[in-house]
Amino acid sequence: MLTLYYSPCACSLAPHIALEEAGATYALQLVSIPKGEQQASEYLNVNPRGRIPALRTAEGVLTENVAILTYIARSFPQARLLPEDPIDMARCLSHMAWLSNTVHPAFTHIVRPGRFATDEAAHANLKATGRENAWKLLQELDSFLAGSE
């Protein structure tokens, strides 16, 4: 049985949607980020990095959305969550990595500035810069979805 370790309003929503789309049988395990539960010893035993999401499989625990989403897609091929063609698959992985490595951190600057600066006086600037960067990235994403990239 698969177990998804998740927190509401976090990037764990992506694998949650993928599990639903795949028709997978799975359990959910709440790990509240606002309560700091991702840093509790119980969760650190699951993911020593203290990040959400994590997916427990029969073969062990997976972390990082690109890996988790790829695992779900390949484990449930009938759901057709990933392309079959090699170049299309590579493009899909490129988009997933961009969302994970570029877009997500821009939003993290907005909602968790303390992760990037311990000086609270810097938090307002981090949030403002994060909003500017996120807006540019959302415009890029909008262009992509509109087919102009």
N, C-alpha and C. Protein backbone atom coordinates (compact mmCIF):
# COMPACT_ATOMS: atom_id res chain seq x y z
N MET A 1 0.84 -1.19 0.00
CA MET A 1 0.00 0.00 0.00
C MET A 1 0.88 1.24 0.00
N LEU A 2 0.49 2.22 -0.75
CA LEU A 2 1.20 3.48 -0.82
C LEU A 2 0.71 4.40 0.29
N THR A 3 1.62 5.19 0.85
CA THR A 3 1.24 6.20 1.83
C THR A 3 1.87 7.52 1.41
N LEU A 4 1.02 8.52 1.23
CA LEU A 4 1.49 9.86 0.87
C LEU A 4 1.53 10.71 2.13
N TYR A 5 2.70 11.22 2.45
CA TYR A 5 2.88 12.16 3.54
C TYR A 5 2.68 13.54 2.94
N TYR A 6 1.70 14.27 3.47
CA TYR A 6 1.28 15.51 2.83
C TYR A 6 0.99 16.59 3.88
N SER A 7 0.90 17.82 3.40
CA SER A 7 0.43 18.94 4.20
C SER A 7 -0.51 19.75 3.32
N PRO A 8 -1.65 20.18 3.84
CA PRO A 8 -2.58 20.98 3.03
C PRO A 8 -1.92 22.25 2.51
N CYS A 9 -2.31 22.65 1.33
CA CYS A 9 -1.83 23.88 0.68
C CYS A 9 -0.32 23.83 0.43
N ALA A 10 0.21 22.65 0.21
CA ALA A 10 1.64 22.50 -0.07
C ALA A 10 1.81 21.77 -1.40
N CYS A 11 3.05 21.60 -1.82
CA CYS A 11 3.32 20.96 -3.10
C CYS A 11 2.98 19.47 -3.10
N SER A 12 2.60 18.93 -1.96
CA SER A 12 2.14 17.53 -1.91
C SER A 12 0.80 17.36 -2.62
N LEU A 13 0.18 18.47 -3.01
CA LEU A 13 -1.08 18.38 -3.76
C LEU A 13 -0.86 17.69 -5.11
N ALA A 14 0.28 17.91 -5.75
CA ALA A 14 0.54 17.30 -7.06
C ALA A 14 0.52 15.78 -7.01
N PRO A 15 1.27 15.13 -6.10
CA PRO A 15 1.18 13.67 -6.07
C PRO A 15 -0.17 13.17 -5.58
N HIS A 16 -0.85 13.96 -4.76
CA HIS A 16 -2.19 13.57 -4.32
C HIS A 16 -3.13 13.49 -5.54
N ILE A 17 -3.06 14.49 -6.39
CA ILE A 17 -3.87 14.48 -7.61
C ILE A 17 -3.46 13.32 -8.50
N ALA A 18 -2.16 13.08 -8.65
CA ALA A 18 -1.69 11.98 -9.50
C ALA A 18 -2.18 10.63 -8.98
N LEU A 19 -2.16 10.42 -7.68
CA LEU A 19 -2.66 9.16 -7.11
C LEU A 19 -4.15 8.98 -7.41
N GLU A 20 -4.90 10.06 -7.31
CA GLU A 20 -6.33 9.99 -7.64
C GLU A 20 -6.53 9.69 -9.12
N GLU A 21 -5.81 10.41 -9.97
CA GLU A 21 -5.93 10.20 -11.42
C GLU A 21 -5.53 8.79 -11.82
N ALA A 22 -4.57 8.23 -11.11
CA ALA A 22 -4.09 6.89 -11.42
C ALA A 22 -5.04 5.80 -10.91
N GLY A 23 -5.96 6.17 -10.04
CA GLY A 23 -6.85 5.18 -9.45
C GLY A 23 -6.13 4.31 -8.43
N ALA A 24 -5.08 4.83 -7.83
CA ALA A 24 -4.27 4.07 -6.88
C ALA A 24 -4.99 3.90 -5.55
N THR A 25 -4.67 2.81 -4.89
CA THR A 25 -5.08 2.62 -3.50
C THR A 25 -3.95 3.17 -2.65
N TYR A 26 -4.28 4.11 -1.78
CA TYR A 26 -3.24 4.76 -0.97
C TYR A 26 -3.84 5.28 0.32
N ALA A 27 -2.96 5.57 1.26
CA ALA A 27 -3.34 6.20 2.52
C ALA A 27 -2.69 7.57 2.57
N LEU A 28 -3.31 8.48 3.28
CA LEU A 28 -2.75 9.80 3.50
C LEU A 28 -2.27 9.91 4.95
N GLN A 29 -1.11 10.52 5.12
CA GLN A 29 -0.58 10.77 6.45
C GLN A 29 -0.30 12.27 6.55
N LEU A 30 -1.10 12.96 7.35
CA LEU A 30 -0.95 14.40 7.53
C LEU A 30 0.34 14.71 8.28
N VAL A 31 1.10 15.65 7.71
CA VAL A 31 2.29 16.21 8.36
C VAL A 31 2.12 17.72 8.23
N SER A 32 1.70 18.36 9.29
CA SER A 32 1.35 19.78 9.25
C SER A 32 2.60 20.66 9.21
N ILE A 33 2.80 21.32 8.08
CA ILE A 33 3.92 22.26 7.97
C ILE A 33 3.73 23.44 8.92
N PRO A 34 2.52 24.05 8.99
CA PRO A 34 2.37 25.18 9.92
C PRO A 34 2.69 24.83 11.38
N LYS A 35 2.48 23.57 11.75
CA LYS A 35 2.80 23.14 13.12
C LYS A 35 4.25 22.66 13.24
N GLY A 36 4.99 22.65 12.14
CA GLY A 36 6.39 22.22 12.16
C GLY A 36 6.58 20.72 12.26
N GLU A 37 5.53 19.95 11.96
CA GLU A 37 5.62 18.50 12.11
C GLU A 37 6.61 17.85 11.16
N GLN A 38 7.01 18.55 10.09
CA GLN A 38 7.99 18.00 9.16
C GLN A 38 9.38 17.94 9.79
N GLN A 39 9.56 18.63 10.90
CA GLN A 39 10.84 18.60 11.61
C GLN A 39 10.79 17.70 12.85
N ALA A 40 9.65 17.08 13.10
CA ALA A 40 9.53 16.17 14.25
C ALA A 40 10.26 14.86 13.95
N SER A 41 10.77 14.23 14.99
CA SER A 41 11.55 13.00 14.81
C SER A 41 10.76 11.92 14.09
N GLU A 42 9.45 11.85 14.33
CA GLU A 42 8.64 10.82 13.66
C GLU A 42 8.72 10.97 12.14
N TYR A 43 8.60 12.22 11.66
CA TYR A 43 8.67 12.42 10.21
C TYR A 43 10.10 12.37 9.70
N LEU A 44 11.04 12.84 10.47
CA LEU A 44 12.44 12.77 10.03
C LEU A 44 12.89 11.32 9.84
N ASN A 45 12.24 10.38 10.51
CA ASN A 45 12.51 8.96 10.27
C ASN A 45 12.01 8.53 8.89
N VAL A 46 11.01 9.23 8.37
CA VAL A 46 10.49 8.96 7.03
C VAL A 46 11.34 9.69 6.00
N ASN A 47 11.53 10.99 6.19
CA ASN A 47 12.32 11.81 5.28
C ASN A 47 13.29 12.67 6.09
N PRO A 48 14.54 12.25 6.19
CA PRO A 48 15.52 12.98 6.99
C PRO A 48 15.73 14.43 6.54
N ARG A 49 15.32 14.77 5.34
CA ARG A 49 15.44 16.16 4.87
C ARG A 49 14.35 17.05 5.46
N GLY A 50 13.31 16.44 6.03
CA GLY A 50 12.25 17.22 6.65
C GLY A 50 11.42 18.01 5.66
N ARG A 51 11.24 17.47 4.49
CA ARG A 51 10.45 18.14 3.44
C ARG A 51 9.25 17.29 3.06
N ILE A 52 8.22 17.98 2.62
CA ILE A 52 6.99 17.35 2.15
C ILE A 52 6.98 17.51 0.63
N PRO A 53 6.53 16.54 -0.12
CA PRO A 53 5.92 15.28 0.25
C PRO A 53 6.95 14.14 0.35
N ALA A 54 6.45 13.02 0.81
CA ALA A 54 7.17 11.75 0.74
C ALA A 54 6.13 10.69 0.41
N LEU A 55 6.56 9.67 -0.30
CA LEU A 55 5.66 8.57 -0.67
C LEU A 55 6.30 7.27 -0.22
N ARG A 56 5.62 6.58 0.70
CA ARG A 56 6.10 5.27 1.14
C ARG A 56 5.55 4.23 0.16
N THR A 57 6.46 3.43 -0.39
CA THR A 57 6.10 2.36 -1.32
C THR A 57 6.56 1.04 -0.71
N ALA A 58 6.22 -0.05 -1.36
CA ALA A 58 6.70 -1.37 -0.90
C ALA A 58 8.22 -1.46 -1.01
N GLU A 59 8.81 -0.65 -1.89
CA GLU A 59 10.26 -0.67 -2.11
C GLU A 59 11.01 0.34 -1.26
N GLY A 60 10.30 1.15 -0.49
CA GLY A 60 10.94 2.17 0.32
C GLY A 60 10.29 3.52 0.12
N VAL A 61 10.88 4.55 0.70
CA VAL A 61 10.32 5.90 0.66
C VAL A 61 10.95 6.70 -0.49
N LEU A 62 10.09 7.41 -1.21
CA LEU A 62 10.53 8.33 -2.26
C LEU A 62 10.28 9.75 -1.80
N THR A 63 11.18 10.65 -2.17
CA THR A 63 11.00 12.07 -1.89
C THR A 63 11.18 12.84 -3.19
N GLU A 64 10.79 14.08 -3.17
CA GLU A 64 10.89 15.00 -4.30
C GLU A 64 9.81 14.70 -5.33
N ASN A 65 9.06 15.73 -5.68
CA ASN A 65 7.91 15.56 -6.56
C ASN A 65 8.23 14.95 -7.92
N VAL A 66 9.33 15.34 -8.53
CA VAL A 66 9.64 14.79 -9.85
C VAL A 66 9.75 13.26 -9.76
N ALA A 67 10.43 12.77 -8.75
CA ALA A 67 10.58 11.32 -8.57
C ALA A 67 9.25 10.67 -8.21
N ILE A 68 8.52 11.27 -7.29
CA ILE A 68 7.24 10.70 -6.86
C ILE A 68 6.25 10.65 -8.01
N LEU A 69 6.14 11.73 -8.75
CA LEU A 69 5.19 11.78 -9.87
C LEU A 69 5.56 10.78 -10.96
N THR A 70 6.85 10.66 -11.23
CA THR A 70 7.30 9.70 -12.24
C THR A 70 7.01 8.27 -11.76
N TYR A 71 7.25 7.99 -10.50
CA TYR A 71 6.96 6.66 -9.95
C TYR A 71 5.47 6.33 -10.08
N ILE A 72 4.61 7.27 -9.70
CA ILE A 72 3.17 7.04 -9.80
C ILE A 72 2.78 6.78 -11.24
N ALA A 73 3.27 7.60 -12.15
CA ALA A 73 2.91 7.45 -13.57
C ALA A 73 3.37 6.10 -14.12
N ARG A 74 4.58 5.69 -13.78
CA ARG A 74 5.10 4.42 -14.29
C ARG A 74 4.47 3.21 -13.60
N SER A 75 4.01 3.38 -12.37
CA SER A 75 3.36 2.29 -11.64
C SER A 75 1.93 2.05 -12.10
N PHE A 76 1.33 3.06 -12.70
CA PHE A 76 -0.05 2.98 -13.17
C PHE A 76 -0.12 3.44 -14.62
N PRO A 77 0.51 2.68 -15.54
CA PRO A 77 0.62 3.14 -16.93
C PRO A 77 -0.74 3.32 -17.61
N GLN A 78 -1.76 2.59 -17.15
CA GLN A 78 -3.08 2.71 -17.75
C GLN A 78 -3.64 4.12 -17.58
N ALA A 79 -3.16 4.87 -16.60
CA ALA A 79 -3.65 6.23 -16.37
C ALA A 79 -3.06 7.23 -17.38
N ARG A 80 -1.99 6.83 -18.06
CA ARG A 80 -1.36 7.67 -19.09
C ARG A 80 -1.00 9.06 -18.56
N LEU A 81 -0.33 9.09 -17.43
CA LEU A 81 0.06 10.35 -16.81
C LEU A 81 1.34 10.95 -17.39
N LEU A 82 2.12 10.13 -18.07
CA LEU A 82 3.34 10.60 -18.72
C LEU A 82 3.34 10.16 -20.18
N PRO A 83 3.98 10.94 -21.05
CA PRO A 83 4.06 10.56 -22.46
C PRO A 83 4.93 9.31 -22.66
N GLU A 84 4.68 8.60 -23.72
CA GLU A 84 5.47 7.41 -24.07
C GLU A 84 6.69 7.78 -24.91
N ASP A 85 6.52 8.73 -25.83
CA ASP A 85 7.59 9.13 -26.75
C ASP A 85 8.77 9.71 -25.96
N PRO A 86 10.00 9.29 -26.25
CA PRO A 86 11.16 9.75 -25.48
C PRO A 86 11.33 11.27 -25.43
N ILE A 87 11.15 11.97 -26.55
CA ILE A 87 11.34 13.43 -26.52
C ILE A 87 10.22 14.10 -25.74
N ASP A 88 9.00 13.59 -25.88
CA ASP A 88 7.89 14.15 -25.11
C ASP A 88 8.08 13.89 -23.62
N MET A 89 8.60 12.70 -23.28
CA MET A 89 8.88 12.37 -21.88
C MET A 89 9.95 13.31 -21.33
N ALA A 90 10.99 13.55 -22.10
CA ALA A 90 12.05 14.45 -21.66
C ALA A 90 11.51 15.86 -21.46
N ARG A 91 10.67 16.32 -22.37
CA ARG A 91 10.07 17.66 -22.22
C ARG A 91 9.19 17.72 -20.98
N CYS A 92 8.45 16.68 -20.73
CA CYS A 92 7.59 16.62 -19.54
C CYS A 92 8.44 16.69 -18.27
N LEU A 93 9.50 15.90 -18.21
CA LEU A 93 10.39 15.94 -17.05
C LEU A 93 11.05 17.31 -16.90
N SER A 94 11.37 17.94 -18.01
CA SER A 94 11.94 19.29 -17.98
C SER A 94 10.95 20.26 -17.34
N HIS A 95 9.69 20.18 -17.73
CA HIS A 95 8.67 21.05 -17.15
C HIS A 95 8.48 20.77 -15.66
N MET A 96 8.46 19.50 -15.28
CA MET A 96 8.30 19.16 -13.87
C MET A 96 9.48 19.70 -13.06
N ALA A 97 10.68 19.55 -13.58
CA ALA A 97 11.86 20.05 -12.87
C ALA A 97 11.82 21.57 -12.75
N TRP A 98 11.39 22.26 -13.81
CA TRP A 98 11.30 23.73 -13.78
C TRP A 98 10.30 24.17 -12.72
N LEU A 99 9.15 23.51 -12.67
CA LEU A 99 8.16 23.85 -11.65
C LEU A 99 8.71 23.63 -10.25
N SER A 100 9.40 22.51 -10.07
CA SER A 100 9.94 22.15 -8.76
C SER A 100 11.13 23.01 -8.36
N ASN A 101 12.02 23.28 -9.28
CA ASN A 101 13.28 23.94 -8.96
C ASN A 101 13.27 25.45 -9.12
N THR A 102 12.30 25.98 -9.88
CA THR A 102 12.29 27.42 -10.15
C THR A 102 11.01 28.07 -9.63
N VAL A 103 9.87 27.55 -10.05
CA VAL A 103 8.60 28.18 -9.67
C VAL A 103 8.33 28.01 -8.17
N HIS A 104 8.45 26.80 -7.69
CA HIS A 104 8.16 26.54 -6.28
C HIS A 104 8.99 27.41 -5.33
N PRO A 105 10.31 27.52 -5.53
CA PRO A 105 11.10 28.37 -4.62
C PRO A 105 10.66 29.84 -4.61
N ALA A 106 10.17 30.34 -5.74
CA ALA A 106 9.70 31.73 -5.77
C ALA A 106 8.54 31.91 -4.79
N PHE A 107 7.64 30.94 -4.75
CA PHE A 107 6.52 31.02 -3.82
C PHE A 107 6.98 30.79 -2.38
N THR A 108 7.99 29.97 -2.20
CA THR A 108 8.51 29.72 -0.86
C THR A 108 9.06 31.01 -0.25
N HIS A 109 9.66 31.86 -1.06
CA HIS A 109 10.15 33.15 -0.56
C HIS A 109 9.00 33.99 -0.01
N ILE A 110 7.82 33.85 -0.59
CA ILE A 110 6.66 34.62 -0.15
C ILE A 110 6.09 34.07 1.16
N VAL A 111 5.92 32.76 1.22
CA VAL A 111 5.21 32.17 2.36
C VAL A 111 6.12 31.72 3.50
N ARG A 112 7.41 31.53 3.22
CA ARG A 112 8.35 31.09 4.26
C ARG A 112 9.66 31.85 4.18
N PRO A 113 9.62 33.18 4.32
CA PRO A 113 10.87 33.95 4.20
C PRO A 113 11.90 33.59 5.27
N GLY A 114 11.44 33.07 6.39
CA GLY A 114 12.37 32.69 7.45
C GLY A 114 13.30 31.56 7.06
N ARG A 115 12.95 30.84 6.00
CA ARG A 115 13.83 29.78 5.51
C ARG A 115 15.07 30.38 4.83
N PHE A 116 14.96 31.64 4.38
CA PHE A 116 16.04 32.25 3.60
C PHE A 116 16.78 33.36 4.34
N ALA A 117 16.16 33.89 5.41
CA ALA A 117 16.81 34.94 6.19
C ALA A 117 16.31 34.87 7.63
N THR A 118 17.24 34.79 8.56
CA THR A 118 16.85 34.77 9.97
C THR A 118 16.52 36.16 10.50
N ASP A 119 17.00 37.19 9.82
CA ASP A 119 16.71 38.57 10.21
C ASP A 119 15.31 38.94 9.73
N GLU A 120 14.39 39.09 10.66
CA GLU A 120 13.00 39.38 10.30
C GLU A 120 12.85 40.69 9.54
N ALA A 121 13.79 41.60 9.70
CA ALA A 121 13.74 42.86 8.95
C ALA A 121 13.87 42.62 7.45
N ALA A 122 14.47 41.50 7.06
CA ALA A 122 14.65 41.17 5.63
C ALA A 122 13.43 40.47 5.04
N HIS A 123 12.51 40.01 5.86
CA HIS A 123 11.38 39.21 5.37
C HIS A 123 10.49 39.97 4.40
N ALA A 124 10.22 41.24 4.67
CA ALA A 124 9.36 42.02 3.77
C ALA A 124 9.98 42.10 2.38
N ASN A 125 11.29 42.33 2.33
CA ASN A 125 11.97 42.39 1.03
C ASN A 125 11.96 41.04 0.33
N LEU A 126 12.17 39.96 1.07
CA LEU A 126 12.12 38.62 0.48
C LEU A 126 10.75 38.34 -0.11
N LYS A 127 9.71 38.70 0.64
CA LYS A 127 8.34 38.48 0.15
C LYS A 127 8.07 39.30 -1.11
N ALA A 128 8.48 40.55 -1.11
CA ALA A 128 8.25 41.41 -2.28
C ALA A 128 9.00 40.89 -3.50
N THR A 129 10.24 40.50 -3.31
CA THR A 129 11.03 39.96 -4.41
C THR A 129 10.43 38.64 -4.89
N GLY A 130 9.99 37.83 -3.94
CA GLY A 130 9.32 36.57 -4.29
C GLY A 130 8.08 36.80 -5.13
N ARG A 131 7.29 37.80 -4.77
CA ARG A 131 6.07 38.12 -5.54
C ARG A 131 6.44 38.55 -6.97
N GLU A 132 7.46 39.39 -7.10
CA GLU A 132 7.89 39.83 -8.43
C GLU A 132 8.35 38.63 -9.27
N ASN A 133 9.17 37.78 -8.68
CA ASN A 133 9.67 36.61 -9.40
C ASN A 133 8.53 35.65 -9.73
N ALA A 134 7.64 35.42 -8.78
CA ALA A 134 6.52 34.51 -9.01
C ALA A 134 5.64 35.03 -10.14
N TRP A 135 5.40 36.34 -10.17
CA TRP A 135 4.56 36.91 -11.22
C TRP A 135 5.18 36.68 -12.60
N LYS A 136 6.48 36.91 -12.72
CA LYS A 136 7.18 36.67 -13.99
C LYS A 136 7.08 35.20 -14.40
N LEU A 137 7.24 34.31 -13.44
CA LEU A 137 7.17 32.88 -13.73
C LEU A 137 5.75 32.47 -14.12
N LEU A 138 4.75 33.05 -13.47
CA LEU A 138 3.37 32.75 -13.83
C LEU A 138 3.05 33.25 -15.25
N GLN A 139 3.61 34.38 -15.62
CA GLN A 139 3.44 34.88 -16.98
C GLN A 139 4.07 33.91 -17.99
N GLU A 140 5.26 33.41 -17.65
CA GLU A 140 5.92 32.43 -18.51
C GLU A 140 5.08 31.16 -18.62
N LEU A 141 4.54 30.70 -17.50
CA LEU A 141 3.68 29.52 -17.49
C LEU A 141 2.42 29.76 -18.31
N ASP A 142 1.84 30.94 -18.19
CA ASP A 142 0.66 31.29 -18.97
C ASP A 142 0.95 31.24 -20.46
N SER A 143 2.10 31.77 -20.87
CA SER A 143 2.51 31.72 -22.29
C SER A 143 2.65 30.28 -22.75
N PHE A 144 3.27 29.46 -21.92
CA PHE A 144 3.44 28.05 -22.26
C PHE A 144 2.09 27.37 -22.45
N LEU A 145 1.19 27.58 -21.50
CA LEU A 145 -0.13 26.93 -21.57
C LEU A 145 -0.94 27.44 -22.75
N ALA A 146 -0.70 28.69 -23.16
CA ALA A 146 -1.39 29.25 -24.31
C ALA A 146 -0.79 28.75 -25.63
N GLY A 147 0.33 28.05 -25.55
CA GLY A 147 0.95 27.49 -26.74
C GLY A 147 1.87 28.43 -27.46
N SER A 148 2.28 29.52 -26.81
CA SER A 148 3.15 30.47 -27.50
C SER A 148 4.62 30.27 -27.16
N GLU A 149 4.96 29.16 -26.50
CA GLU A 149 6.37 28.85 -26.23
C GLU A 149 6.75 27.58 -26.94
